[in-house]
Amino acid sequence: MHNLLNCRTVVSQVITGYLPSLILQLFMFFVPPIMLTFSAIQGYISRSQIERSACSKMLWFIIWNVFFANVLSGSALYEVNVFLEPKNIPRVLAEAVPGQASFFISYVVTSGWTKLSSELFRLIPLVCSFWKRLFSRKDGNEFEVPSLPYYNDIPTILFFGLLGITYFFLAPLILPFLLVYFCLGYIIFRNQLLNVYAPKYETNGKFWPIVHNSTVFSLILMHIIAFGIFGLKKLPLASTLLIPLPVLTLIFNAYCQNRFLPLFKAYPTECLVKQDRKEQNEAGMIEFYDKLVTAYQDPALMPVQYARSTDRDTSPLLHSAEV
């Protein structure tokens, strides 16, 4: 009887510890294609713009639905009401965030480590490729080299960074699991980038503003939680000394926005001049420039041409008398 009770305890701990994060991971599997569809419907044309927009949507979706939904553990209306009262945000987060440390540790193990192993073995793309070859008429030797799904991998990495920043002083036990994740991720993604993936377009570092904004948001969130923790523990000196940190973080963010963000919105003139000088001596550039003049013409500015017809229906009713 005692062994049976111990077995039931172990099973219940496994179910309550790992099953919620596993179900959440299965649900998150369908989110990236939906975000890509939303970005395409939004009006973006190029693949890079669609993936950048989907990456941003995916990141904030994960932060809201995985972090805040599990931390607050209430209805959507309750979560919105919490943020409508800014003075209560530090207290609510300080009370709720430490209680979800065990869930996020299991989430790192089940989601992070499992995703890295699936990235290394790539079983799902292998099965999809097998079925495509089985039902398509293409040559079996043809193989399309995949590209790195930035919109799916970057938000996951940034979210684990957010967990590390917000929990390093609340639950330091999560840090070894995150350290293992980032070390394995460095090794696996380095191998994938060198031997598996082939980029379909040049990003030019335009995903970096998303990384920067996510890092600044994580720091501000950590400051708010720490401020609430010190308030609950009645440490006024620590809370007072913490006030300059978010201010300095926002000042640094404003400096980076003004100094570096324009470089990601437009190409530097130096790079454009180098590219023009490089293409100036190429053989086919003269022909390319000739075709460029008529490559696109606005239909509204083109002359209107009317078709001449001798049909009986379009002939005048009265004819001039012949002399």
C-alpha atoms as a PDB file:
ATOM      1  CA  MET A   1       0.000   0.000   0.000  1.00  0.00           C
ATOM      2  CA  HIS A   2       2.836   2.337   0.840  1.00  0.00           C
ATOM      3  CA  ASN A   3       4.527   1.604  -2.502  1.00  0.00           C
ATOM      4  CA  LEU A   4       1.273   2.294  -4.317  1.00  0.00           C
ATOM      5  CA  LEU A   5       0.946   5.668  -2.621  1.00  0.00           C
ATOM      6  CA  ASN A   6       4.534   6.526  -3.510  1.00  0.00           C
ATOM      7  CA  CYS A   7       3.894   5.541  -7.120  1.00  0.00           C
ATOM      8  CA  ARG A   8       0.795   7.725  -7.253  1.00  0.00           C
ATOM      9  CA  THR A   9       2.773  10.616  -5.775  1.00  0.00           C
ATOM     10  CA  VAL A  10       5.507  10.273  -8.382  1.00  0.00           C
ATOM     11  CA  VAL A  11       2.976  10.069 -11.219  1.00  0.00           C
ATOM     12  CA  SER A  12       1.105  13.124  -9.953  1.00  0.00           C
ATOM     13  CA  GLN A  13       4.348  15.084  -9.660  1.00  0.00           C
ATOM     14  CA  VAL A  14       5.332  14.153 -13.211  1.00  0.00           C
ATOM     15  CA  ILE A  15       1.898  15.091 -14.544  1.00  0.00           C
ATOM     16  CA  THR A  16       1.698  18.402 -12.700  1.00  0.00           C
ATOM     17  CA  GLY A  17       5.337  19.265 -13.379  1.00  0.00           C
ATOM     18  CA  TYR A  18       5.897  18.334 -17.018  1.00  0.00           C
ATOM     19  CA  LEU A  19       2.496  17.817 -18.635  1.00  0.00           C
ATOM     20  CA  PRO A  20       1.418  21.518 -18.611  1.00  0.00           C
ATOM     21  CA  SER A  21       4.643  22.662 -20.254  1.00  0.00           C
ATOM     22  CA  LEU A  22       4.419  19.804 -22.772  1.00  0.00           C
ATOM     23  CA  ILE A  23       0.865  20.776 -23.731  1.00  0.00           C
ATOM     24  CA  LEU A  24       1.967  24.396 -24.015  1.00  0.00           C
ATOM     25  CA  GLN A  25       4.831  23.363 -26.281  1.00  0.00           C
ATOM     26  CA  LEU A  26       2.461  21.435 -28.556  1.00  0.00           C
ATOM     27  CA  PHE A  27       0.206  24.481 -28.733  1.00  0.00           C
ATOM     28  CA  MET A  28       3.137  26.766 -29.584  1.00  0.00           C
ATOM     29  CA  PHE A  29       4.023  24.513 -32.514  1.00  0.00           C
ATOM     30  CA  PHE A  30       1.115  25.942 -34.535  1.00  0.00           C
ATOM     31  CA  VAL A  31       1.728  29.607 -33.714  1.00  0.00           C
ATOM     32  CA  PRO A  32       4.652  30.501 -36.083  1.00  0.00           C
ATOM     33  CA  PRO A  33       2.788  29.641 -39.329  1.00  0.00           C
ATOM     34  CA  ILE A  34      -0.175  31.685 -38.117  1.00  0.00           C
ATOM     35  CA  MET A  35       2.086  34.673 -37.413  1.00  0.00           C
ATOM     36  CA  LEU A  36       3.607  34.359 -40.883  1.00  0.00           C
ATOM     37  CA  THR A  37       0.124  34.423 -42.375  1.00  0.00           C
ATOM     38  CA  PHE A  38      -0.828  37.498 -40.347  1.00  0.00           C
ATOM     39  CA  SER A  39       2.332  39.303 -41.464  1.00  0.00           C
ATOM     40  CA  ALA A  40       1.635  38.472 -45.108  1.00  0.00           C
ATOM     41  CA  ILE A  41      -1.951  39.703 -44.767  1.00  0.00           C
ATOM     42  CA  GLN A  42      -0.644  42.852 -43.114  1.00  0.00           C
ATOM     43  CA  GLY A  43       0.819  43.919 -46.455  1.00  0.00           C
ATOM     44  CA  TYR A  44       4.501  43.031 -46.341  1.00  0.00           C
ATOM     45  CA  ILE A  45       5.840  41.830 -49.676  1.00  0.00           C
ATOM     46  CA  SER A  46       9.391  40.576 -49.262  1.00  0.00           C
ATOM     47  CA  ARG A  47      10.275  37.442 -47.340  1.00  0.00           C
ATOM     48  CA  SER A  48      12.589  39.327 -44.993  1.00  0.00           C
ATOM     49  CA  GLN A  49       9.905  41.846 -44.010  1.00  0.00           C
ATOM     50  CA  ILE A  50       7.359  39.095 -43.412  1.00  0.00           C
ATOM     51  CA  GLU A  51       9.753  37.130 -41.203  1.00  0.00           C
ATOM     52  CA  ARG A  52      10.798  40.213 -39.214  1.00  0.00           C
ATOM     53  CA  SER A  53       7.182  41.109 -38.575  1.00  0.00           C
ATOM     54  CA  ALA A  54       6.364  37.509 -37.645  1.00  0.00           C
ATOM     55  CA  CYS A  55       9.390  37.414 -35.337  1.00  0.00           C
ATOM     56  CA  SER A  56       8.190  40.471 -33.441  1.00  0.00           C
ATOM     57  CA  LYS A  57       4.636  39.124 -33.195  1.00  0.00           C
ATOM     58  CA  MET A  58       5.886  35.730 -32.072  1.00  0.00           C
ATOM     59  CA  LEU A  59       8.084  37.249 -29.371  1.00  0.00           C
ATOM     60  CA  TRP A  60       5.355  39.309 -27.746  1.00  0.00           C
ATOM     61  CA  PHE A  61       2.899  36.439 -28.101  1.00  0.00           C
ATOM     62  CA  ILE A  62       5.248  34.170 -26.143  1.00  0.00           C
ATOM     63  CA  ILE A  63       5.937  36.807 -23.498  1.00  0.00           C
ATOM     64  CA  TRP A  64       2.257  37.487 -22.938  1.00  0.00           C
ATOM     65  CA  ASN A  65       0.810  33.974 -23.213  1.00  0.00           C
ATOM     66  CA  VAL A  66       3.646  32.003 -21.631  1.00  0.00           C
ATOM     67  CA  PHE A  67       5.089  34.379 -19.049  1.00  0.00           C
ATOM     68  CA  PHE A  68       2.301  36.699 -17.937  1.00  0.00           C
ATOM     69  CA  ALA A  69      -0.514  34.179 -18.401  1.00  0.00           C
ATOM     70  CA  ASN A  70       1.249  31.638 -16.194  1.00  0.00           C
ATOM     71  CA  VAL A  71       2.495  34.191 -13.687  1.00  0.00           C
ATOM     72  CA  LEU A  72      -0.822  35.912 -13.148  1.00  0.00           C
ATOM     73  CA  SER A  73      -2.807  32.651 -13.538  1.00  0.00           C
ATOM     74  CA  GLY A  74      -6.128  34.366 -13.982  1.00  0.00           C
ATOM     75  CA  SER A  75      -8.569  35.344 -16.643  1.00  0.00           C
ATOM     76  CA  ALA A  76      -7.653  37.650 -19.470  1.00  0.00           C
ATOM     77  CA  LEU A  77      -9.765  40.403 -17.909  1.00  0.00           C
ATOM     78  CA  TYR A  78      -7.833  40.072 -14.660  1.00  0.00           C
ATOM     79  CA  GLU A  79      -4.517  40.323 -16.486  1.00  0.00           C
ATOM     80  CA  VAL A  80      -5.640  43.488 -18.247  1.00  0.00           C
ATOM     81  CA  ASN A  81      -6.928  45.006 -14.999  1.00  0.00           C
ATOM     82  CA  VAL A  82      -3.563  44.432 -13.361  1.00  0.00           C
ATOM     83  CA  PHE A  83      -1.813  46.585 -15.945  1.00  0.00           C
ATOM     84  CA  LEU A  84      -4.525  49.240 -15.808  1.00  0.00           C
ATOM     85  CA  GLU A  85      -3.423  49.999 -12.237  1.00  0.00           C
ATOM     86  CA  PRO A  86       0.302  50.778 -12.556  1.00  0.00           C
ATOM     87  CA  LYS A  87       0.868  51.311  -8.848  1.00  0.00           C
ATOM     88  CA  ASN A  88      -0.070  47.683  -8.114  1.00  0.00           C
ATOM     89  CA  ILE A  89       2.095  46.123 -10.835  1.00  0.00           C
ATOM     90  CA  PRO A  90       5.295  45.714  -8.734  1.00  0.00           C
ATOM     91  CA  ARG A  91       3.380  44.196  -5.828  1.00  0.00           C
ATOM     92  CA  VAL A  92       1.391  41.776  -8.006  1.00  0.00           C
ATOM     93  CA  LEU A  93       4.461  40.634  -9.944  1.00  0.00           C
ATOM     94  CA  ALA A  94       6.516  40.287  -6.767  1.00  0.00           C
ATOM     95  CA  GLU A  95       3.852  38.015  -5.300  1.00  0.00           C
ATOM     96  CA  ALA A  96       3.185  35.969  -8.437  1.00  0.00           C
ATOM     97  CA  VAL A  97       6.527  35.560 -10.235  1.00  0.00           C
ATOM     98  CA  PRO A  98       8.437  33.570  -7.557  1.00  0.00           C
ATOM     99  CA  GLY A  99       5.628  31.029  -7.322  1.00  0.00           C
ATOM    100  CA  GLN A 100       6.050  29.983 -10.962  1.00  0.00           C
ATOM    101  CA  ALA A 101       9.768  29.230 -10.763  1.00  0.00           C
ATOM    102  CA  SER A 102       9.264  25.451 -10.805  1.00  0.00           C
ATOM    103  CA  PHE A 103       7.014  25.686 -13.860  1.00  0.00           C
ATOM    104  CA  PHE A 104       9.547  27.704 -15.839  1.00  0.00           C
ATOM    105  CA  ILE A 105      12.369  25.353 -14.844  1.00  0.00           C
ATOM    106  CA  SER A 106      10.375  22.443 -16.243  1.00  0.00           C
ATOM    107  CA  TYR A 107       9.507  24.597 -19.265  1.00  0.00           C
ATOM    108  CA  VAL A 108      13.199  25.159 -19.980  1.00  0.00           C
ATOM    109  CA  VAL A 109      13.821  21.415 -19.768  1.00  0.00           C
ATOM    110  CA  THR A 110      10.815  20.252 -21.781  1.00  0.00           C
ATOM    111  CA  SER A 111      10.724  23.077 -24.297  1.00  0.00           C
ATOM    112  CA  GLY A 112      14.300  24.297 -24.588  1.00  0.00           C
ATOM    113  CA  TRP A 113      16.217  21.055 -24.411  1.00  0.00           C
ATOM    114  CA  THR A 114      13.638  19.161 -26.458  1.00  0.00           C
ATOM    115  CA  LYS A 115      13.619  21.813 -29.149  1.00  0.00           C
ATOM    116  CA  LEU A 116      17.399  21.728 -29.387  1.00  0.00           C
ATOM    117  CA  SER A 117      17.394  17.962 -29.786  1.00  0.00           C
ATOM    118  CA  SER A 118      14.677  18.163 -32.441  1.00  0.00           C
ATOM    119  CA  GLU A 119      16.695  20.862 -34.190  1.00  0.00           C
ATOM    120  CA  LEU A 120      19.688  18.553 -34.284  1.00  0.00           C
ATOM    121  CA  PHE A 121      17.831  15.492 -35.586  1.00  0.00           C
ATOM    122  CA  ARG A 122      15.223  17.349 -37.712  1.00  0.00           C
ATOM    123  CA  LEU A 123      12.795  14.433 -37.735  1.00  0.00           C
ATOM    124  CA  ILE A 124       9.735  16.447 -38.790  1.00  0.00           C
ATOM    125  CA  PRO A 125      11.432  17.962 -41.891  1.00  0.00           C
ATOM    126  CA  LEU A 126      12.729  14.489 -42.732  1.00  0.00           C
ATOM    127  CA  VAL A 127       9.226  12.998 -42.629  1.00  0.00           C
ATOM    128  CA  CYS A 128       7.796  15.909 -44.639  1.00  0.00           C
ATOM    129  CA  SER A 129      10.531  15.530 -47.244  1.00  0.00           C
ATOM    130  CA  PHE A 130       9.843  11.793 -47.486  1.00  0.00           C
ATOM    131  CA  TRP A 131       6.128  12.322 -48.097  1.00  0.00           C
ATOM    132  CA  LYS A 132       6.789  15.055 -50.653  1.00  0.00           C
ATOM    133  CA  ARG A 133       9.089  12.776 -52.603  1.00  0.00           C
ATOM    134  CA  LEU A 134       6.609   9.933 -52.342  1.00  0.00           C
ATOM    135  CA  PHE A 135       3.650  11.832 -53.767  1.00  0.00           C
ATOM    136  CA  SER A 136       5.386  14.293 -56.084  1.00  0.00           C
ATOM    137  CA  ARG A 137       6.738  13.598 -59.528  1.00  0.00           C
ATOM    138  CA  LYS A 138      10.023  15.356 -58.980  1.00  0.00           C
ATOM    139  CA  ASP A 139      13.344  13.634 -59.188  1.00  0.00           C
ATOM    140  CA  GLY A 140      14.302  11.955 -55.942  1.00  0.00           C
ATOM    141  CA  ASN A 141      17.800  13.407 -56.113  1.00  0.00           C
ATOM    142  CA  GLU A 142      16.518  16.983 -55.980  1.00  0.00           C
ATOM    143  CA  PHE A 143      16.818  18.514 -52.541  1.00  0.00           C
ATOM    144  CA  GLU A 144      15.933  22.003 -51.384  1.00  0.00           C
ATOM    145  CA  VAL A 145      18.364  23.365 -48.829  1.00  0.00           C
ATOM    146  CA  PRO A 146      16.385  24.783 -45.880  1.00  0.00           C
ATOM    147  CA  SER A 147      16.888  28.234 -44.435  1.00  0.00           C
ATOM    148  CA  LEU A 148      17.017  29.159 -40.770  1.00  0.00           C
ATOM    149  CA  PRO A 149      13.532  30.050 -39.469  1.00  0.00           C
ATOM    150  CA  TYR A 150      14.465  33.304 -37.746  1.00  0.00           C
ATOM    151  CA  TYR A 151      10.858  34.054 -36.833  1.00  0.00           C
ATOM    152  CA  ASN A 152      10.688  30.860 -34.765  1.00  0.00           C
ATOM    153  CA  ASP A 153      14.132  30.516 -33.179  1.00  0.00           C
ATOM    154  CA  ILE A 154      14.923  34.121 -32.232  1.00  0.00           C
ATOM    155  CA  PRO A 155      11.779  34.638 -30.067  1.00  0.00           C
ATOM    156  CA  THR A 156      12.452  31.388 -28.208  1.00  0.00           C
ATOM    157  CA  ILE A 157      16.039  32.366 -27.413  1.00  0.00           C
ATOM    158  CA  LEU A 158      14.979  35.848 -26.314  1.00  0.00           C
ATOM    159  CA  PHE A 159      12.263  34.426 -24.083  1.00  0.00           C
ATOM    160  CA  PHE A 160      14.755  32.183 -22.301  1.00  0.00           C
ATOM    161  CA  GLY A 161      16.944  35.243 -21.874  1.00  0.00           C
ATOM    162  CA  LEU A 162      13.988  37.013 -20.266  1.00  0.00           C
ATOM    163  CA  LEU A 163      13.526  34.089 -17.873  1.00  0.00           C
ATOM    164  CA  GLY A 164      17.191  34.229 -16.919  1.00  0.00           C
ATOM    165  CA  ILE A 165      17.125  37.982 -16.285  1.00  0.00           C
ATOM    166  CA  THR A 166      13.914  37.960 -14.247  1.00  0.00           C
ATOM    167  CA  TYR A 167      14.617  34.815 -12.206  1.00  0.00           C
ATOM    168  CA  PHE A 168      18.346  35.023 -11.511  1.00  0.00           C
ATOM    169  CA  PHE A 169      17.764  36.635  -8.096  1.00  0.00           C
ATOM    170  CA  LEU A 170      14.394  34.986  -7.356  1.00  0.00           C
ATOM    171  CA  ALA A 171      15.176  31.363  -8.226  1.00  0.00           C
ATOM    172  CA  PRO A 172      18.878  30.913  -9.041  1.00  0.00           C
ATOM    173  CA  LEU A 173      18.231  27.203  -9.614  1.00  0.00           C
ATOM    174  CA  ILE A 174      16.986  28.057 -13.110  1.00  0.00           C
ATOM    175  CA  LEU A 175      20.398  29.382 -14.151  1.00  0.00           C
ATOM    176  CA  PRO A 176      22.153  25.983 -14.606  1.00  0.00           C
ATOM    177  CA  PHE A 177      19.327  24.792 -16.862  1.00  0.00           C
ATOM    178  CA  LEU A 178      19.536  27.974 -18.923  1.00  0.00           C
ATOM    179  CA  LEU A 179      23.319  27.695 -19.066  1.00  0.00           C
ATOM    180  CA  VAL A 180      23.037  24.168 -20.448  1.00  0.00           C
ATOM    181  CA  TYR A 181      20.449  25.390 -22.961  1.00  0.00           C
ATOM    182  CA  PHE A 182      22.600  28.238 -24.268  1.00  0.00           C
ATOM    183  CA  CYS A 183      25.758  26.107 -24.416  1.00  0.00           C
ATOM    184  CA  LEU A 184      23.981  23.347 -26.325  1.00  0.00           C
ATOM    185  CA  GLY A 185      22.276  25.948 -28.490  1.00  0.00           C
ATOM    186  CA  TYR A 186      25.606  27.499 -29.429  1.00  0.00           C
ATOM    187  CA  ILE A 187      27.059  24.136 -30.448  1.00  0.00           C
ATOM    188  CA  ILE A 188      23.971  22.905 -32.299  1.00  0.00           C
ATOM    189  CA  PHE A 189      23.122  26.116 -34.140  1.00  0.00           C
ATOM    190  CA  ARG A 190      26.753  26.603 -35.110  1.00  0.00           C
ATOM    191  CA  ASN A 191      26.684  23.185 -36.730  1.00  0.00           C
ATOM    192  CA  GLN A 192      23.324  23.884 -38.381  1.00  0.00           C
ATOM    193  CA  LEU A 193      24.431  27.231 -39.789  1.00  0.00           C
ATOM    194  CA  LEU A 194      27.647  25.785 -41.189  1.00  0.00           C
ATOM    195  CA  ASN A 195      26.426  22.437 -42.496  1.00  0.00           C
ATOM    196  CA  VAL A 196      22.622  22.431 -42.808  1.00  0.00           C
ATOM    197  CA  TYR A 197      21.044  25.808 -43.456  1.00  0.00           C
ATOM    198  CA  ALA A 198      21.599  28.093 -46.421  1.00  0.00           C
ATOM    199  CA  PRO A 199      20.334  31.683 -46.131  1.00  0.00           C
ATOM    200  CA  LYS A 200      17.787  32.697 -48.739  1.00  0.00           C
ATOM    201  CA  TYR A 201      18.350  36.400 -48.131  1.00  0.00           C
ATOM    202  CA  GLU A 202      20.803  38.666 -46.352  1.00  0.00           C
ATOM    203  CA  THR A 203      19.378  39.971 -43.088  1.00  0.00           C
ATOM    204  CA  ASN A 204      21.934  42.801 -42.723  1.00  0.00           C
ATOM    205  CA  GLY A 205      21.471  42.592 -38.972  1.00  0.00           C
ATOM    206  CA  LYS A 206      17.902  43.903 -39.124  1.00  0.00           C
ATOM    207  CA  PHE A 207      16.754  41.430 -36.480  1.00  0.00           C
ATOM    208  CA  TRP A 208      19.029  43.122 -33.960  1.00  0.00           C
ATOM    209  CA  PRO A 209      16.538  45.896 -32.975  1.00  0.00           C
ATOM    210  CA  ILE A 210      14.122  43.154 -31.905  1.00  0.00           C
ATOM    211  CA  VAL A 211      16.849  41.621 -29.741  1.00  0.00           C
ATOM    212  CA  HIS A 212      17.738  45.010 -28.272  1.00  0.00           C
ATOM    213  CA  ASN A 213      14.130  45.913 -27.444  1.00  0.00           C
ATOM    214  CA  SER A 214      13.528  42.523 -25.861  1.00  0.00           C
ATOM    215  CA  THR A 215      16.640  42.850 -23.693  1.00  0.00           C
ATOM    216  CA  VAL A 216      15.656  46.328 -22.519  1.00  0.00           C
ATOM    217  CA  PHE A 217      12.140  45.097 -21.746  1.00  0.00           C
ATOM    218  CA  SER A 218      13.580  42.195 -19.736  1.00  0.00           C
ATOM    219  CA  LEU A 219      15.757  44.570 -17.707  1.00  0.00           C
ATOM    220  CA  ILE A 220      12.847  46.919 -16.984  1.00  0.00           C
ATOM    221  CA  LEU A 221      10.681  43.964 -15.972  1.00  0.00           C
ATOM    222  CA  MET A 222      13.420  42.714 -13.659  1.00  0.00           C
ATOM    223  CA  HIS A 223      13.680  46.164 -12.062  1.00  0.00           C
ATOM    224  CA  ILE A 224       9.915  46.280 -11.475  1.00  0.00           C
ATOM    225  CA  ILE A 225       9.876  42.814  -9.899  1.00  0.00           C
ATOM    226  CA  ALA A 226      12.878  43.639  -7.712  1.00  0.00           C
ATOM    227  CA  PHE A 227      11.219  46.881  -6.623  1.00  0.00           C
ATOM    228  CA  GLY A 228       8.111  44.923  -5.612  1.00  0.00           C
ATOM    229  CA  ILE A 229      10.167  42.275  -3.782  1.00  0.00           C
ATOM    230  CA  PHE A 230      12.012  44.906  -1.757  1.00  0.00           C
ATOM    231  CA  GLY A 231       8.702  46.588  -0.999  1.00  0.00           C
ATOM    232  CA  LEU A 232       7.180  43.345   0.297  1.00  0.00           C
ATOM    233  CA  LYS A 233      10.226  42.706   2.451  1.00  0.00           C
ATOM    234  CA  LYS A 234      10.036  46.303   3.738  1.00  0.00           C
ATOM    235  CA  LEU A 235      13.495  47.357   2.587  1.00  0.00           C
ATOM    236  CA  PRO A 236      13.065  51.065   1.777  1.00  0.00           C
ATOM    237  CA  LEU A 237      16.790  51.698   1.274  1.00  0.00           C
ATOM    238  CA  ALA A 238      17.099  48.956  -1.347  1.00  0.00           C
ATOM    239  CA  SER A 239      13.956  50.184  -3.118  1.00  0.00           C
ATOM    240  CA  THR A 240      15.293  53.742  -3.176  1.00  0.00           C
ATOM    241  CA  LEU A 241      18.660  52.681  -4.565  1.00  0.00           C
ATOM    242  CA  LEU A 242      16.869  50.692  -7.282  1.00  0.00           C
ATOM    243  CA  ILE A 243      14.991  53.692  -8.713  1.00  0.00           C
ATOM    244  CA  PRO A 244      17.892  55.042 -10.866  1.00  0.00           C
ATOM    245  CA  LEU A 245      18.385  51.687 -12.634  1.00  0.00           C
ATOM    246  CA  PRO A 246      15.261  51.730 -14.865  1.00  0.00           C
ATOM    247  CA  VAL A 247      15.847  55.426 -15.563  1.00  0.00           C
ATOM    248  CA  LEU A 248      19.409  54.757 -16.716  1.00  0.00           C
ATOM    249  CA  THR A 249      18.211  51.779 -18.760  1.00  0.00           C
ATOM    250  CA  LEU A 250      15.635  53.913 -20.573  1.00  0.00           C
ATOM    251  CA  ILE A 251      18.218  56.647 -21.199  1.00  0.00           C
ATOM    252  CA  PHE A 252      20.585  54.082 -22.684  1.00  0.00           C
ATOM    253  CA  ASN A 253      17.749  52.718 -24.820  1.00  0.00           C
ATOM    254  CA  ALA A 254      16.938  56.214 -26.109  1.00  0.00           C
ATOM    255  CA  TYR A 255      20.605  56.778 -26.960  1.00  0.00           C
ATOM    256  CA  CYS A 256      20.768  53.501 -28.890  1.00  0.00           C
ATOM    257  CA  GLN A 257      17.541  54.317 -30.713  1.00  0.00           C
ATOM    258  CA  ASN A 258      18.875  57.682 -31.871  1.00  0.00           C
ATOM    259  CA  ARG A 259      22.404  56.513 -32.589  1.00  0.00           C
ATOM    260  CA  PHE A 260      22.052  53.071 -34.147  1.00  0.00           C
ATOM    261  CA  LEU A 261      18.444  52.516 -35.232  1.00  0.00           C
ATOM    262  CA  PRO A 262      18.738  54.586 -38.466  1.00  0.00           C
ATOM    263  CA  LEU A 263      21.460  52.180 -39.624  1.00  0.00           C
ATOM    264  CA  PHE A 264      18.915  49.347 -39.620  1.00  0.00           C
ATOM    265  CA  LYS A 265      16.261  51.286 -41.526  1.00  0.00           C
ATOM    266  CA  ALA A 266      18.413  52.390 -44.463  1.00  0.00           C
ATOM    267  CA  TYR A 267      21.660  51.226 -45.991  1.00  0.00           C
ATOM    268  CA  PRO A 268      24.726  53.365 -45.244  1.00  0.00           C
ATOM    269  CA  THR A 269      25.894  55.547 -48.125  1.00  0.00           C
ATOM    270  CA  GLU A 270      29.375  54.068 -47.922  1.00  0.00           C
ATOM    271  CA  CYS A 271      28.053  50.575 -48.634  1.00  0.00           C
ATOM    272  CA  LEU A 272      25.958  51.819 -51.546  1.00  0.00           C
ATOM    273  CA  VAL A 273      28.933  53.651 -53.073  1.00  0.00           C
ATOM    274  CA  LYS A 274      31.094  50.538 -52.797  1.00  0.00           C
ATOM    275  CA  GLN A 275      28.393  48.440 -54.437  1.00  0.00           C
ATOM    276  CA  ASP A 276      27.991  50.948 -57.289  1.00  0.00           C
ATOM    277  CA  ARG A 277      31.728  51.036 -57.918  1.00  0.00           C
ATOM    278  CA  LYS A 278      31.843  47.255 -57.876  1.00  0.00           C
ATOM    279  CA  GLU A 279      29.026  46.949 -60.419  1.00  0.00           C
ATOM    280  CA  GLN A 280      30.292  49.792 -62.600  1.00  0.00           C
ATOM    281  CA  ASN A 281      32.853  47.650 -64.411  1.00  0.00           C
ATOM    282  CA  GLU A 282      30.635  44.635 -64.969  1.00  0.00           C
ATOM    283  CA  ALA A 283      29.845  43.727 -68.567  1.00  0.00           C
ATOM    284  CA  GLY A 284      26.071  43.514 -68.401  1.00  0.00           C
ATOM    285  CA  MET A 285      25.419  46.745 -66.516  1.00  0.00           C
ATOM    286  CA  ILE A 286      24.841  48.887 -69.635  1.00  0.00           C
ATOM    287  CA  GLU A 287      22.173  46.512 -70.875  1.00  0.00           C
ATOM    288  CA  PHE A 288      20.709  46.398 -67.380  1.00  0.00           C
ATOM    289  CA  TYR A 289      20.431  50.191 -67.245  1.00  0.00           C
ATOM    290  CA  ASP A 290      18.716  50.245 -70.648  1.00  0.00           C
ATOM    291  CA  LYS A 291      16.116  47.763 -69.470  1.00  0.00           C
ATOM    292  CA  LEU A 292      15.697  49.579 -66.169  1.00  0.00           C
ATOM    293  CA  VAL A 293      14.194  52.617 -67.908  1.00  0.00           C
ATOM    294  CA  THR A 294      11.215  50.631 -69.157  1.00  0.00           C
ATOM    295  CA  ALA A 295      11.119  48.007 -66.409  1.00  0.00           C
ATOM    296  CA  TYR A 296       8.138  49.661 -64.773  1.00  0.00           C
ATOM    297  CA  GLN A 297       5.785  52.246 -66.148  1.00  0.00           C
ATOM    298  CA  ASP A 298       2.879  53.598 -64.193  1.00  0.00           C
ATOM    299  CA  PRO A 299      -0.320  52.607 -66.030  1.00  0.00           C
ATOM    300  CA  ALA A 300      -1.862  55.984 -65.187  1.00  0.00           C
ATOM    301  CA  LEU A 301       0.907  57.800 -67.066  1.00  0.00           C
ATOM    302  CA  MET A 302       0.875  55.626 -70.175  1.00  0.00           C
ATOM    303  CA  PRO A 303      -0.903  56.961 -73.295  1.00  0.00           C
ATOM    304  CA  VAL A 304      -4.372  55.637 -73.918  1.00  0.00           C
ATOM    305  CA  GLN A 305      -4.707  53.705 -77.141  1.00  0.00           C
ATOM    306  CA  TYR A 306      -8.128  53.204 -78.683  1.00  0.00           C
ATOM    307  CA  ALA A 307      -8.651  50.303 -81.019  1.00  0.00           C
ATOM    308  CA  ARG A 308      -9.968  51.223 -84.443  1.00  0.00           C
ATOM    309  CA  SER A 309     -12.912  49.141 -85.495  1.00  0.00           C
ATOM    310  CA  THR A 310     -15.003  49.123 -88.672  1.00  0.00           C
ATOM    311  CA  ASP A 311     -17.838  47.298 -87.050  1.00  0.00           C
ATOM    312  CA  ARG A 312     -21.354  48.199 -88.159  1.00  0.00           C
ATOM    313  CA  ASP A 313     -22.341  48.971 -84.560  1.00  0.00           C
ATOM    314  CA  THR A 314     -19.748  51.729 -84.275  1.00  0.00           C
ATOM    315  CA  SER A 315     -20.255  53.317 -87.695  1.00  0.00           C
ATOM    316  CA  PRO A 316     -22.009  56.715 -87.788  1.00  0.00           C
ATOM    317  CA  LEU A 317     -25.723  56.769 -88.434  1.00  0.00           C
ATOM    318  CA  LEU A 318     -25.572  59.594 -91.006  1.00  0.00           C
ATOM    319  CA  HIS A 319     -23.092  59.521 -93.844  1.00  0.00           C
ATOM    320  CA  SER A 320     -22.048  62.534 -95.828  1.00  0.00           C
ATOM    321  CA  ALA A 321     -23.509  62.686 -99.327  1.00  0.00           C
ATOM    322  CA  GLU A 322     -21.106  61.865-102.068  1.00  0.00           C
ATOM    323  CA  VAL A 323     -20.649  64.564-104.656  1.00  0.00           C
END
